[in-house]
Amino acid sequence: MTAVTISERAARRIGEILKGEGSGAMLRISVEGGGCSGFQYKFDIERAQAEDDMVIARDTAVVLVDPASAPFLAGSEVDFVDDLIGASFRVHNPNATASCGCGTSFSI
């Protein structure tokens, strides 16, 4: 399975967030049903890593992806964008055939 990558900007921002959460904090990215396009990305701070989690580490950023979400995220890049509509994480997902305008939900 093609790995998920974290951009330099996203790694820096995730690292800042995790530093504020204390020792052992990790960011979990998951995919769930819902949103205007069928699936949506969910970001949570996590302290426990499951045995079957995919672990992506870059600099001080540690990201977890559960096995059910991994196929939906395969080949994706997580980026951090700070633009006119605000600062947010964006997932550039090659599997998505459509997405909503704000980039938080997608369909395949």
Protein backbone atom coordinates (compact mmCIF):
# COMPACT_ATOMS: atom_id res chain seq x y z
CA MET A 1 0.00 0.00 0.00
CA THR A 2 1.28 3.47 -0.88
CA ALA A 3 2.22 5.44 2.19
CA VAL A 4 0.69 8.68 3.41
CA THR A 5 3.14 11.59 3.40
CA ILE A 6 3.30 14.72 5.53
CA SER A 7 4.45 17.99 3.96
CA GLU A 8 7.11 20.07 5.70
CA ARG A 9 4.51 22.76 6.60
CA ALA A 10 2.12 20.16 8.03
CA ALA A 11 4.91 18.47 10.02
CA ARG A 12 5.91 21.82 11.53
CA ARG A 13 2.30 22.65 12.51
CA ILE A 14 1.57 19.14 13.84
CA GLY A 15 4.79 19.33 15.88
CA GLU A 16 3.67 22.66 17.40
CA ILE A 17 0.24 21.23 18.28
CA LEU A 18 1.68 18.04 19.81
CA LYS A 19 4.24 20.00 21.85
CA GLY A 20 1.34 21.85 23.49
CA GLU A 21 -0.40 18.53 24.26
CA GLY A 22 2.48 17.16 26.33
CA SER A 23 4.60 14.03 26.13
CA GLY A 24 3.31 11.06 24.13
CA ALA A 25 0.75 12.98 22.07
CA MET A 26 0.17 11.91 18.45
CA LEU A 27 -2.20 13.08 15.72
CA ARG A 28 -4.70 10.52 14.43
CA ILE A 29 -6.13 11.00 10.94
CA SER A 30 -9.14 8.87 10.11
CA VAL A 31 -11.81 8.67 7.44
CA GLU A 32 -15.47 8.32 8.33
CA GLY A 33 -18.74 8.32 6.46
CA GLY A 34 -20.49 11.67 6.25
CA GLY A 35 -19.85 15.13 4.93
CA CYS A 36 -21.42 16.53 1.79
CA SER A 37 -19.35 14.28 -0.50
CA GLY A 38 -19.66 10.89 1.27
CA PHE A 39 -16.50 10.61 3.41
CA GLN A 40 -14.79 13.09 5.68
CA TYR A 41 -11.41 13.44 7.31
CA LYS A 42 -11.20 13.50 11.09
CA PHE A 43 -8.21 14.78 13.10
CA ASP A 44 -7.80 13.83 16.78
CA ILE A 45 -5.06 14.02 19.41
CA GLU A 46 -4.27 10.50 20.57
CA ARG A 47 -2.06 9.11 23.34
CA ALA A 48 -2.42 5.40 22.61
CA GLN A 49 -1.18 3.74 19.47
CA ALA A 50 -2.96 0.56 18.33
CA GLU A 51 -0.84 -2.41 17.28
CA ASP A 52 -2.10 -2.26 13.68
CA ASP A 53 -1.87 1.55 13.21
CA MET A 54 0.19 2.96 10.35
CA VAL A 55 2.70 5.37 11.91
CA ILE A 56 4.03 8.31 9.88
CA ALA A 57 6.78 10.35 11.50
CA ARG A 58 8.43 13.50 10.17
CA ASP A 59 10.56 15.74 12.38
CA THR A 60 8.54 16.19 15.61
CA ALA A 61 5.23 15.15 14.01
CA VAL A 62 3.83 11.67 14.66
CA VAL A 63 0.67 10.74 12.76
CA LEU A 64 -1.41 7.58 13.19
CA VAL A 65 -3.76 6.06 10.60
CA ASP A 66 -6.00 3.11 11.49
CA PRO A 67 -6.23 0.09 9.14
CA ALA A 68 -9.81 0.89 8.06
CA SER A 69 -8.85 4.43 6.98
CA ALA A 70 -5.51 3.53 5.36
CA PRO A 71 -6.92 2.38 1.96
CA PHE A 72 -8.84 5.66 1.61
CA LEU A 73 -5.69 7.66 2.37
CA ALA A 74 -3.17 5.61 0.34
CA GLY A 75 -0.88 7.91 -1.65
CA SER A 76 -2.24 11.06 0.01
CA GLU A 77 -0.24 14.02 1.24
CA VAL A 78 -1.26 15.93 4.35
CA ASP A 79 -0.49 19.63 4.00
CA PHE A 80 -1.08 22.71 6.14
CA VAL A 81 -2.51 25.71 4.33
CA ASP A 82 -2.86 29.23 5.66
CA ASP A 83 -4.91 31.24 3.18
CA LEU A 84 -7.75 33.78 3.01
CA ILE A 85 -10.39 31.32 4.27
CA GLY A 86 -8.24 30.34 7.25
CA ALA A 87 -5.54 27.95 8.37
CA SER A 88 -6.26 24.24 8.12
CA PHE A 89 -4.89 20.83 7.31
CA ARG A 90 -5.64 19.68 3.76
CA VAL A 91 -5.40 16.15 2.46
CA HIS A 92 -4.36 15.91 -1.19
CA ASN A 93 -5.94 12.55 -1.96
CA PRO A 94 -5.36 10.90 -5.38
CA ASN A 95 -8.20 8.44 -4.65
CA ALA A 96 -10.86 11.16 -4.39
CA THR A 97 -13.00 11.59 -7.49
CA ALA A 98 -14.82 14.60 -6.04
CA SER A 99 -14.49 16.80 -2.98
CA CYS A 100 -16.36 19.64 -1.37
CA GLY A 101 -15.21 23.24 -1.75
CA CYS A 102 -13.59 23.43 1.66
CA GLY A 103 -11.68 20.15 1.21
CA THR A 104 -13.01 18.39 4.33
CA SER A 105 -15.07 15.72 2.57
CA PHE A 106 -14.61 13.61 -0.54
CA SER A 107 -15.99 10.72 -2.59
CA ILE A 108 -14.29 7.86 -4.39
